Amino acid sequence: MILNRQNTAVIVDSTADLPDYLAMDPNLTIVPLMVHIGGETYLDWVELKPEAFYEKLSVVEQLPRTSQPAVGVFKQLYERLRGHYEHIYSIHLSSEFSGTYSSACMAQQSVSGVTVVDSQLATGGIALLVDRVMERLSAGIAKEDLDAYLSRYVADRGFYFIPQTLDYLAKGGRIGRAAHLVGTLLNITPVLTIKDGMADAYKRVRGMRQALRAMQKAVLSHTSSGRPVYMSLMHAVNLPLLERLREAMQLIPDRHIEIRLTTTVGPVIGTYCGPGAVGICFIQE
């Protein structure tokens, strides 16, 4: 079976933080999570955009909470889209971070033709995966080949980020294996990764210059010369640091880096990474 844009729909949740060219793609549907902040509840990205969220985050006393879409939301969407498409790929936030993947799996049980994917990632990591999937659907791809690519992406991608503080990850219960870094960061900049779907420590360095250099070294150690390296950049409303990150990635020697997209970290993921964070995700093909 050859999958293409005529017979295959793609669903993501709002934590993919998709840039406009993907968010507006007619083959894509975005299911929003919810953010509870300052006594109000908002649909992620729909009723609360990143800039407004980070403004609220700076003044509220209690850390925001987030919640996953209900099983029924996915079931209704799957049934509706199956009326128009033979296949649905439903790609979601790491199951270690949220119950969204679990909700999608429960809905899948009663609707045929749905493949649910645990990206083991968040934000621009999911967005880059969606970019690569949509390119393949545009060209046409055998189902077994797309399934194999999804598995390879989850296993082989690199994902690294620099939070301004670990407080949000710790208080939100998403600190994972980087917990030992909390309280040790005087004059230290942490570079974190996502491993097995959880936050994990990669490097502890002094200052942002060394942190960006550590990211360059991570790309070099994770890739080889010759084949293209596709990359996404992400930032939690920190344009100056984003541009430093972009420049650092473009200066990596002996690598063909193609920055496919830049995205802003939305309210749900921003609840845990905090304001000002920057990150990269990449896959070599």
C-alpha atoms as a PDB file:
ATOM      1  CA  MET A   1       0.000   0.000   0.000  1.00  0.00           C
ATOM      2  CA  ILE A   2       1.377   3.385  -1.050  1.00  0.00           C
ATOM      3  CA  LEU A   3       0.528   6.199   1.350  1.00  0.00           C
ATOM      4  CA  ASN A   4       0.100   9.723   0.037  1.00  0.00           C
ATOM      5  CA  ARG A   5      -1.743  12.945   0.756  1.00  0.00           C
ATOM      6  CA  GLN A   6      -4.906  11.662  -0.885  1.00  0.00           C
ATOM      7  CA  ASN A   7      -5.330   8.626   1.364  1.00  0.00           C
ATOM      8  CA  THR A   8      -3.489   9.527   4.583  1.00  0.00           C
ATOM      9  CA  ALA A   9      -4.200  12.085   7.303  1.00  0.00           C
ATOM     10  CA  VAL A  10      -1.815  13.117  10.077  1.00  0.00           C
ATOM     11  CA  ILE A  11      -2.842  14.174  13.577  1.00  0.00           C
ATOM     12  CA  VAL A  12      -0.589  15.772  16.171  1.00  0.00           C
ATOM     13  CA  ASP A  13      -1.286  17.274  19.553  1.00  0.00           C
ATOM     14  CA  SER A  14      -0.582  20.920  20.263  1.00  0.00           C
ATOM     15  CA  THR A  15       2.720  20.204  22.022  1.00  0.00           C
ATOM     16  CA  ALA A  16       4.307  19.808  18.572  1.00  0.00           C
ATOM     17  CA  ASP A  17       4.324  23.640  18.509  1.00  0.00           C
ATOM     18  CA  LEU A  18       4.064  23.552  14.725  1.00  0.00           C
ATOM     19  CA  PRO A  19       5.210  26.509  12.614  1.00  0.00           C
ATOM     20  CA  ASP A  20       2.569  28.021  10.350  1.00  0.00           C
ATOM     21  CA  TYR A  21       3.457  26.109   7.180  1.00  0.00           C
ATOM     22  CA  LEU A  22       2.700  22.838   8.963  1.00  0.00           C
ATOM     23  CA  ALA A  23      -0.144  24.060  11.167  1.00  0.00           C
ATOM     24  CA  MET A  24      -2.014  25.216   8.042  1.00  0.00           C
ATOM     25  CA  ASP A  25      -1.376  22.022   6.053  1.00  0.00           C
ATOM     26  CA  PRO A  26      -4.772  20.598   4.947  1.00  0.00           C
ATOM     27  CA  ASN A  27      -3.634  17.033   5.716  1.00  0.00           C
ATOM     28  CA  LEU A  28      -2.833  17.912   9.333  1.00  0.00           C
ATOM     29  CA  THR A  29      -5.139  18.189  12.336  1.00  0.00           C
ATOM     30  CA  ILE A  30      -3.963  19.532  15.696  1.00  0.00           C
ATOM     31  CA  VAL A  31      -5.587  18.356  18.934  1.00  0.00           C
ATOM     32  CA  PRO A  32      -5.019  20.878  21.750  1.00  0.00           C
ATOM     33  CA  LEU A  33      -4.059  20.028  25.303  1.00  0.00           C
ATOM     34  CA  MET A  34      -5.265  22.279  28.126  1.00  0.00           C
ATOM     35  CA  VAL A  35      -3.367  24.712  30.322  1.00  0.00           C
ATOM     36  CA  HIS A  36      -4.678  25.748  33.736  1.00  0.00           C
ATOM     37  CA  ILE A  37      -3.106  29.016  34.879  1.00  0.00           C
ATOM     38  CA  GLY A  38      -4.215  31.815  37.174  1.00  0.00           C
ATOM     39  CA  GLY A  39      -7.550  30.155  37.887  1.00  0.00           C
ATOM     40  CA  GLU A  40      -8.439  29.914  34.182  1.00  0.00           C
ATOM     41  CA  THR A  41      -8.344  27.050  31.690  1.00  0.00           C
ATOM     42  CA  TYR A  42      -7.192  27.550  28.103  1.00  0.00           C
ATOM     43  CA  LEU A  43      -6.807  25.393  25.011  1.00  0.00           C
ATOM     44  CA  ASP A  44      -3.095  25.263  24.206  1.00  0.00           C
ATOM     45  CA  TRP A  45      -2.259  27.532  21.238  1.00  0.00           C
ATOM     46  CA  VAL A  46      -5.975  28.078  20.485  1.00  0.00           C
ATOM     47  CA  GLU A  47      -7.020  30.292  23.390  1.00  0.00           C
ATOM     48  CA  LEU A  48      -3.549  31.016  24.761  1.00  0.00           C
ATOM     49  CA  LYS A  49      -0.539  31.871  22.603  1.00  0.00           C
ATOM     50  CA  PRO A  50       3.072  31.622  23.818  1.00  0.00           C
ATOM     51  CA  GLU A  51       3.737  35.333  24.341  1.00  0.00           C
ATOM     52  CA  ALA A  52       0.619  35.796  26.482  1.00  0.00           C
ATOM     53  CA  PHE A  53       1.370  32.602  28.379  1.00  0.00           C
ATOM     54  CA  TYR A  54       4.893  33.633  29.364  1.00  0.00           C
ATOM     55  CA  GLU A  55       3.580  37.008  30.510  1.00  0.00           C
ATOM     56  CA  LYS A  56       1.090  35.220  32.773  1.00  0.00           C
ATOM     57  CA  LEU A  57       3.772  32.806  33.942  1.00  0.00           C
ATOM     58  CA  SER A  58       5.895  35.698  35.185  1.00  0.00           C
ATOM     59  CA  VAL A  59       3.200  36.943  37.582  1.00  0.00           C
ATOM     60  CA  VAL A  60       1.267  33.889  38.811  1.00  0.00           C
ATOM     61  CA  GLU A  61       2.150  32.426  42.194  1.00  0.00           C
ATOM     62  CA  GLN A  62       1.229  28.821  41.419  1.00  0.00           C
ATOM     63  CA  LEU A  63       2.836  26.771  38.667  1.00  0.00           C
ATOM     64  CA  PRO A  64       0.385  26.127  35.808  1.00  0.00           C
ATOM     65  CA  ARG A  65      -1.059  22.660  35.318  1.00  0.00           C
ATOM     66  CA  THR A  66      -1.697  20.873  32.045  1.00  0.00           C
ATOM     67  CA  SER A  67      -4.119  18.139  31.029  1.00  0.00           C
ATOM     68  CA  GLN A  68      -4.486  15.781  28.085  1.00  0.00           C
ATOM     69  CA  PRO A  69      -7.362  15.558  25.600  1.00  0.00           C
ATOM     70  CA  ALA A  70     -10.123  13.108  26.508  1.00  0.00           C
ATOM     71  CA  VAL A  71     -10.320   9.722  24.792  1.00  0.00           C
ATOM     72  CA  GLY A  72     -13.615  10.775  23.214  1.00  0.00           C
ATOM     73  CA  VAL A  73     -11.967  13.728  21.476  1.00  0.00           C
ATOM     74  CA  PHE A  74      -9.593  11.397  19.662  1.00  0.00           C
ATOM     75  CA  LYS A  75     -12.297   8.821  18.923  1.00  0.00           C
ATOM     76  CA  GLN A  76     -14.598  11.381  17.291  1.00  0.00           C
ATOM     77  CA  LEU A  77     -11.717  12.819  15.272  1.00  0.00           C
ATOM     78  CA  TYR A  78     -10.542   9.389  14.110  1.00  0.00           C
ATOM     79  CA  GLU A  79     -14.061   8.442  13.034  1.00  0.00           C
ATOM     80  CA  ARG A  80     -14.546  11.711  11.154  1.00  0.00           C
ATOM     81  CA  LEU A  81     -11.221  11.520   9.323  1.00  0.00           C
ATOM     82  CA  ARG A  82     -11.683   7.839   8.468  1.00  0.00           C
ATOM     83  CA  GLY A  83     -14.669   8.958   6.430  1.00  0.00           C
ATOM     84  CA  HIS A  84     -12.223  10.753   4.113  1.00  0.00           C
ATOM     85  CA  TYR A  85      -8.909   8.885   4.473  1.00  0.00           C
ATOM     86  CA  GLU A  86      -7.867   5.235   4.470  1.00  0.00           C
ATOM     87  CA  HIS A  87      -5.050   5.771   6.960  1.00  0.00           C
ATOM     88  CA  ILE A  88      -4.403   8.047   9.930  1.00  0.00           C
ATOM     89  CA  TYR A  89      -1.091   8.635  11.677  1.00  0.00           C
ATOM     90  CA  SER A  90      -1.564  10.112  15.144  1.00  0.00           C
ATOM     91  CA  ILE A  91       1.796  11.415  16.430  1.00  0.00           C
ATOM     92  CA  HIS A  92       2.106  12.539  20.038  1.00  0.00           C
ATOM     93  CA  LEU A  93       4.095  13.935  22.922  1.00  0.00           C
ATOM     94  CA  SER A  94       6.309  11.499  24.823  1.00  0.00           C
ATOM     95  CA  SER A  95       4.245   9.135  26.947  1.00  0.00           C
ATOM     96  CA  GLU A  96       6.678   9.890  29.805  1.00  0.00           C
ATOM     97  CA  PHE A  97       5.513  13.525  29.802  1.00  0.00           C
ATOM     98  CA  SER A  98       1.766  13.169  29.337  1.00  0.00           C
ATOM     99  CA  GLY A  99      -1.169  10.778  29.105  1.00  0.00           C
ATOM    100  CA  THR A 100      -1.997  12.098  25.621  1.00  0.00           C
ATOM    101  CA  TYR A 101      -0.481   9.064  23.894  1.00  0.00           C
ATOM    102  CA  SER A 102      -2.496   6.782  26.196  1.00  0.00           C
ATOM    103  CA  SER A 103      -5.734   8.608  25.330  1.00  0.00           C
ATOM    104  CA  ALA A 104      -4.983   8.242  21.626  1.00  0.00           C
ATOM    105  CA  CYS A 105      -4.241   4.518  22.018  1.00  0.00           C
ATOM    106  CA  MET A 106      -7.519   3.926  23.843  1.00  0.00           C
ATOM    107  CA  ALA A 107      -9.443   5.704  21.080  1.00  0.00           C
ATOM    108  CA  GLN A 108      -7.578   3.730  18.418  1.00  0.00           C
ATOM    109  CA  GLN A 109      -8.951   0.440  19.743  1.00  0.00           C
ATOM    110  CA  SER A 110     -12.383   1.102  18.283  1.00  0.00           C
ATOM    111  CA  VAL A 111     -11.357   2.718  14.967  1.00  0.00           C
ATOM    112  CA  SER A 112      -9.529   0.825  12.210  1.00  0.00           C
ATOM    113  CA  GLY A 113      -6.762   2.273  10.068  1.00  0.00           C
ATOM    114  CA  VAL A 114      -5.171   4.380  12.820  1.00  0.00           C
ATOM    115  CA  THR A 115      -1.481   4.200  13.734  1.00  0.00           C
ATOM    116  CA  VAL A 116      -0.595   5.929  17.025  1.00  0.00           C
ATOM    117  CA  VAL A 117       3.024   7.013  17.469  1.00  0.00           C
ATOM    118  CA  ASP A 118       4.814   7.827  20.723  1.00  0.00           C
ATOM    119  CA  SER A 119       7.382  10.353  19.497  1.00  0.00           C
ATOM    120  CA  GLN A 120       9.285  10.183  22.809  1.00  0.00           C
ATOM    121  CA  LEU A 121       9.810  13.888  22.170  1.00  0.00           C
ATOM    122  CA  ALA A 122       8.190  17.287  22.547  1.00  0.00           C
ATOM    123  CA  THR A 123       7.856  20.627  20.734  1.00  0.00           C
ATOM    124  CA  GLY A 124      10.277  21.072  17.783  1.00  0.00           C
ATOM    125  CA  GLY A 125      11.271  17.410  17.941  1.00  0.00           C
ATOM    126  CA  ILE A 126       7.731  16.426  16.983  1.00  0.00           C
ATOM    127  CA  ALA A 127       7.500  19.288  14.484  1.00  0.00           C
ATOM    128  CA  LEU A 128      10.601  18.075  12.647  1.00  0.00           C
ATOM    129  CA  LEU A 129       9.205  14.537  12.548  1.00  0.00           C
ATOM    130  CA  VAL A 130       5.958  15.847  11.073  1.00  0.00           C
ATOM    131  CA  ASP A 131       7.924  17.835   8.471  1.00  0.00           C
ATOM    132  CA  ARG A 132       9.737  14.666   7.398  1.00  0.00           C
ATOM    133  CA  VAL A 133       6.513  12.628   7.320  1.00  0.00           C
ATOM    134  CA  MET A 134       4.662  15.192   5.208  1.00  0.00           C
ATOM    135  CA  GLU A 135       7.516  15.312   2.705  1.00  0.00           C
ATOM    136  CA  ARG A 136       7.292  11.542   2.325  1.00  0.00           C
ATOM    137  CA  LEU A 137       3.527  11.584   1.918  1.00  0.00           C
ATOM    138  CA  SER A 138       3.870  14.232  -0.786  1.00  0.00           C
ATOM    139  CA  ALA A 139       6.184  11.914  -2.727  1.00  0.00           C
ATOM    140  CA  GLY A 140       4.269   8.723  -1.889  1.00  0.00           C
ATOM    141  CA  ILE A 141       5.714   6.020   0.355  1.00  0.00           C
ATOM    142  CA  ALA A 142       4.951   2.387   1.162  1.00  0.00           C
ATOM    143  CA  LYS A 143       3.308   1.968   4.554  1.00  0.00           C
ATOM    144  CA  GLU A 144       6.007  -0.374   5.800  1.00  0.00           C
ATOM    145  CA  ASP A 145       8.666   2.154   4.785  1.00  0.00           C
ATOM    146  CA  LEU A 146       6.937   4.996   6.631  1.00  0.00           C
ATOM    147  CA  ASP A 147       6.526   2.808   9.710  1.00  0.00           C
ATOM    148  CA  ALA A 148      10.229   1.943   9.553  1.00  0.00           C
ATOM    149  CA  TYR A 149      11.172   5.611   9.209  1.00  0.00           C
ATOM    150  CA  LEU A 150       9.086   6.563  12.231  1.00  0.00           C
ATOM    151  CA  SER A 151      10.845   3.915  14.309  1.00  0.00           C
ATOM    152  CA  ARG A 152      14.260   5.058  13.098  1.00  0.00           C
ATOM    153  CA  TYR A 153      13.501   8.720  13.812  1.00  0.00           C
ATOM    154  CA  VAL A 154      12.430   7.966  17.376  1.00  0.00           C
ATOM    155  CA  ALA A 155      15.590   5.900  17.921  1.00  0.00           C
ATOM    156  CA  ASP A 156      18.184   8.005  16.063  1.00  0.00           C
ATOM    157  CA  ARG A 157      17.212  11.672  16.400  1.00  0.00           C
ATOM    158  CA  GLY A 158      19.222  14.039  18.545  1.00  0.00           C
ATOM    159  CA  PHE A 159      17.454  16.444  20.918  1.00  0.00           C
ATOM    160  CA  TYR A 160      19.243  18.946  23.164  1.00  0.00           C
ATOM    161  CA  PHE A 161      18.021  21.992  25.030  1.00  0.00           C
ATOM    162  CA  ILE A 162      19.243  24.679  27.386  1.00  0.00           C
ATOM    163  CA  PRO A 163      16.765  25.805  30.062  1.00  0.00           C
ATOM    164  CA  GLN A 164      17.301  29.083  31.875  1.00  0.00           C
ATOM    165  CA  THR A 165      16.366  27.298  35.096  1.00  0.00           C
ATOM    166  CA  LEU A 166      15.508  23.754  36.180  1.00  0.00           C
ATOM    167  CA  ASP A 167      12.825  24.969  38.590  1.00  0.00           C
ATOM    168  CA  TYR A 168       9.930  24.458  36.176  1.00  0.00           C
ATOM    169  CA  LEU A 169      10.976  20.922  35.209  1.00  0.00           C
ATOM    170  CA  ALA A 170      11.444  20.011  38.858  1.00  0.00           C
ATOM    171  CA  LYS A 171       8.227  21.556  40.173  1.00  0.00           C
ATOM    172  CA  GLY A 172       6.245  20.152  37.261  1.00  0.00           C
ATOM    173  CA  GLY A 173       7.503  16.626  37.869  1.00  0.00           C
ATOM    174  CA  ARG A 174       9.149  16.316  34.435  1.00  0.00           C
ATOM    175  CA  ILE A 175      12.783  16.553  35.537  1.00  0.00           C
ATOM    176  CA  GLY A 176      13.421  12.834  34.894  1.00  0.00           C
ATOM    177  CA  ARG A 177      17.030  11.714  35.203  1.00  0.00           C
ATOM    178  CA  ALA A 178      18.297  15.305  35.412  1.00  0.00           C
ATOM    179  CA  ALA A 179      16.989  15.580  38.990  1.00  0.00           C
ATOM    180  CA  HIS A 180      20.483  15.416  40.460  1.00  0.00           C
ATOM    181  CA  LEU A 181      21.303  18.771  38.842  1.00  0.00           C
ATOM    182  CA  VAL A 182      18.729  20.691  40.866  1.00  0.00           C
ATOM    183  CA  GLY A 183      20.382  22.952  43.409  1.00  0.00           C
ATOM    184  CA  THR A 184      23.848  22.582  41.846  1.00  0.00           C
ATOM    185  CA  LEU A 185      23.682  25.216  39.127  1.00  0.00           C
ATOM    186  CA  LEU A 186      25.512  28.183  40.626  1.00  0.00           C
ATOM    187  CA  ASN A 187      27.394  29.642  37.644  1.00  0.00           C
ATOM    188  CA  ILE A 188      26.634  26.432  35.722  1.00  0.00           C
ATOM    189  CA  THR A 189      24.615  26.175  32.504  1.00  0.00           C
ATOM    190  CA  PRO A 190      22.953  22.778  32.008  1.00  0.00           C
ATOM    191  CA  VAL A 191      22.545  21.212  28.579  1.00  0.00           C
ATOM    192  CA  LEU A 192      19.789  18.610  28.706  1.00  0.00           C
ATOM    193  CA  THR A 193      18.617  15.928  26.317  1.00  0.00           C
ATOM    194  CA  ILE A 194      15.581  13.676  26.023  1.00  0.00           C
ATOM    195  CA  LYS A 195      16.488  10.005  26.412  1.00  0.00           C
ATOM    196  CA  ASP A 196      13.912   7.217  26.400  1.00  0.00           C
ATOM    197  CA  GLY A 197      11.241   9.920  26.411  1.00  0.00           C
ATOM    198  CA  MET A 198      12.510  11.580  29.609  1.00  0.00           C
ATOM    199  CA  ALA A 199      14.614  14.635  30.373  1.00  0.00           C
ATOM    200  CA  ASP A 200      18.212  13.689  31.085  1.00  0.00           C
ATOM    201  CA  ALA A 201      21.452  15.550  31.766  1.00  0.00           C
ATOM    202  CA  TYR A 202      23.916  15.857  28.871  1.00  0.00           C
ATOM    203  CA  LYS A 203      26.524  18.402  29.979  1.00  0.00           C
ATOM    204  CA  ARG A 204      27.161  20.936  32.715  1.00  0.00           C
ATOM    205  CA  VAL A 205      29.244  23.852  31.498  1.00  0.00           C
ATOM    206  CA  ARG A 206      30.107  27.403  32.503  1.00  0.00           C
ATOM    207  CA  GLY A 207      28.243  30.018  30.512  1.00  0.00           C
ATOM    208  CA  MET A 208      26.171  30.124  27.360  1.00  0.00           C
ATOM    209  CA  ARG A 209      29.133  30.113  24.997  1.00  0.00           C
ATOM    210  CA  GLN A 210      30.238  26.749  26.340  1.00  0.00           C
ATOM    211  CA  ALA A 211      26.661  25.468  26.268  1.00  0.00           C
ATOM    212  CA  LEU A 212      26.338  26.296  22.572  1.00  0.00           C
ATOM    213  CA  ARG A 213      29.707  24.678  21.941  1.00  0.00           C
ATOM    214  CA  ALA A 214      28.461  21.549  23.717  1.00  0.00           C
ATOM    215  CA  MET A 215      25.480  21.492  21.358  1.00  0.00           C
ATOM    216  CA  GLN A 216      27.796  21.761  18.352  1.00  0.00           C
ATOM    217  CA  LYS A 217      29.819  18.821  19.668  1.00  0.00           C
ATOM    218  CA  ALA A 218      26.621  16.839  20.213  1.00  0.00           C
ATOM    219  CA  VAL A 219      25.654  17.287  16.559  1.00  0.00           C
ATOM    220  CA  LEU A 220      29.156  16.312  15.411  1.00  0.00           C
ATOM    221  CA  SER A 221      29.237  13.182  17.559  1.00  0.00           C
ATOM    222  CA  HIS A 222      25.721  12.150  16.516  1.00  0.00           C
ATOM    223  CA  THR A 223      26.193  12.569  12.740  1.00  0.00           C
ATOM    224  CA  SER A 224      28.722  12.013   9.956  1.00  0.00           C
ATOM    225  CA  SER A 225      29.837  13.987   6.919  1.00  0.00           C
ATOM    226  CA  GLY A 226      28.126  13.589   3.576  1.00  0.00           C
ATOM    227  CA  ARG A 227      24.454  12.929   4.180  1.00  0.00           C
ATOM    228  CA  PRO A 228      22.184  15.896   5.039  1.00  0.00           C
ATOM    229  CA  VAL A 229      21.274  16.669   8.635  1.00  0.00           C
ATOM    230  CA  TYR A 230      17.750  18.070   8.987  1.00  0.00           C
ATOM    231  CA  MET A 231      17.220  20.264  12.026  1.00  0.00           C
ATOM    232  CA  SER A 232      14.602  22.215  13.944  1.00  0.00           C
ATOM    233  CA  LEU A 233      15.321  25.113  16.283  1.00  0.00           C
ATOM    234  CA  MET A 234      13.040  26.017  19.175  1.00  0.00           C
ATOM    235  CA  HIS A 235      12.855  28.822  21.704  1.00  0.00           C
ATOM    236  CA  ALA A 236      10.631  29.822  24.613  1.00  0.00           C
ATOM    237  CA  VAL A 237      10.310  33.474  23.513  1.00  0.00           C
ATOM    238  CA  ASN A 238      14.047  34.188  23.518  1.00  0.00           C
ATOM    239  CA  LEU A 239      14.905  35.578  20.086  1.00  0.00           C
ATOM    240  CA  PRO A 240      18.408  36.876  20.942  1.00  0.00           C
ATOM    241  CA  LEU A 241      19.539  33.464  22.200  1.00  0.00           C
ATOM    242  CA  LEU A 242      17.748  31.749  19.316  1.00  0.00           C
ATOM    243  CA  GLU A 243      19.874  33.718  16.849  1.00  0.00           C
ATOM    244  CA  ARG A 244      23.055  32.775  18.718  1.00  0.00           C
ATOM    245  CA  LEU A 245      21.931  29.150  18.539  1.00  0.00           C
ATOM    246  CA  ARG A 246      21.172  29.420  14.813  1.00  0.00           C
ATOM    247  CA  GLU A 247      24.608  30.883  14.124  1.00  0.00           C
ATOM    248  CA  ALA A 248      26.292  28.165  16.184  1.00  0.00           C
ATOM    249  CA  MET A 249      24.512  25.440  14.231  1.00  0.00           C
ATOM    250  CA  GLN A 250      25.392  27.007  10.883  1.00  0.00           C
ATOM    251  CA  LEU A 251      29.071  27.135  11.895  1.00  0.00           C
ATOM    252  CA  ILE A 252      29.347  23.388  12.554  1.00  0.00           C
ATOM    253  CA  PRO A 253      32.183  22.200  10.286  1.00  0.00           C
ATOM    254  CA  ASP A 254      31.992  19.328   7.805  1.00  0.00           C
ATOM    255  CA  ARG A 255      28.240  18.864   8.149  1.00  0.00           C
ATOM    256  CA  HIS A 256      25.447  19.652   5.704  1.00  0.00           C
ATOM    257  CA  ILE A 257      22.961  21.222   8.136  1.00  0.00           C
ATOM    258  CA  GLU A 258      19.535  22.134   6.767  1.00  0.00           C
ATOM    259  CA  ILE A 259      17.432  24.044   9.285  1.00  0.00           C
ATOM    260  CA  ARG A 260      13.941  22.985   8.267  1.00  0.00           C
ATOM    261  CA  LEU A 261      11.962  24.975  10.798  1.00  0.00           C
ATOM    262  CA  THR A 262      12.030  27.254  13.807  1.00  0.00           C
ATOM    263  CA  THR A 263       9.262  27.075  16.356  1.00  0.00           C
ATOM    264  CA  THR A 264       8.176  28.820  19.525  1.00  0.00           C
ATOM    265  CA  VAL A 265       7.694  26.615  22.575  1.00  0.00           C
ATOM    266  CA  GLY A 266       4.003  26.802  23.449  1.00  0.00           C
ATOM    267  CA  PRO A 267       2.187  26.998  26.788  1.00  0.00           C
ATOM    268  CA  VAL A 268       2.083  23.284  27.657  1.00  0.00           C
ATOM    269  CA  ILE A 269       5.783  22.597  27.144  1.00  0.00           C
ATOM    270  CA  GLY A 270       6.627  26.075  28.429  1.00  0.00           C
ATOM    271  CA  THR A 271       5.016  25.097  31.729  1.00  0.00           C
ATOM    272  CA  TYR A 272       7.873  22.642  32.225  1.00  0.00           C
ATOM    273  CA  CYS A 273      10.869  24.139  30.413  1.00  0.00           C
ATOM    274  CA  GLY A 274      10.168  27.681  31.601  1.00  0.00           C
ATOM    275  CA  PRO A 275      10.736  30.958  29.736  1.00  0.00           C
ATOM    276  CA  GLY A 276      13.875  31.589  27.732  1.00  0.00           C
ATOM    277  CA  ALA A 277      14.833  27.997  26.937  1.00  0.00           C
ATOM    278  CA  VAL A 278      16.277  27.125  23.528  1.00  0.00           C
ATOM    279  CA  GLY A 279      16.826  23.785  21.847  1.00  0.00           C
ATOM    280  CA  ILE A 280      17.533  21.749  18.734  1.00  0.00           C
ATOM    281  CA  CYS A 281      16.361  18.494  17.241  1.00  0.00           C
ATOM    282  CA  PHE A 282      18.020  16.825  14.257  1.00  0.00           C
ATOM    283  CA  ILE A 283      18.009  13.671  12.168  1.00  0.00           C
ATOM    284  CA  GLN A 284      20.493  12.570   9.532  1.00  0.00           C
ATOM    285  CA  GLU A 285      19.036  11.021   6.388  1.00  0.00           C
END
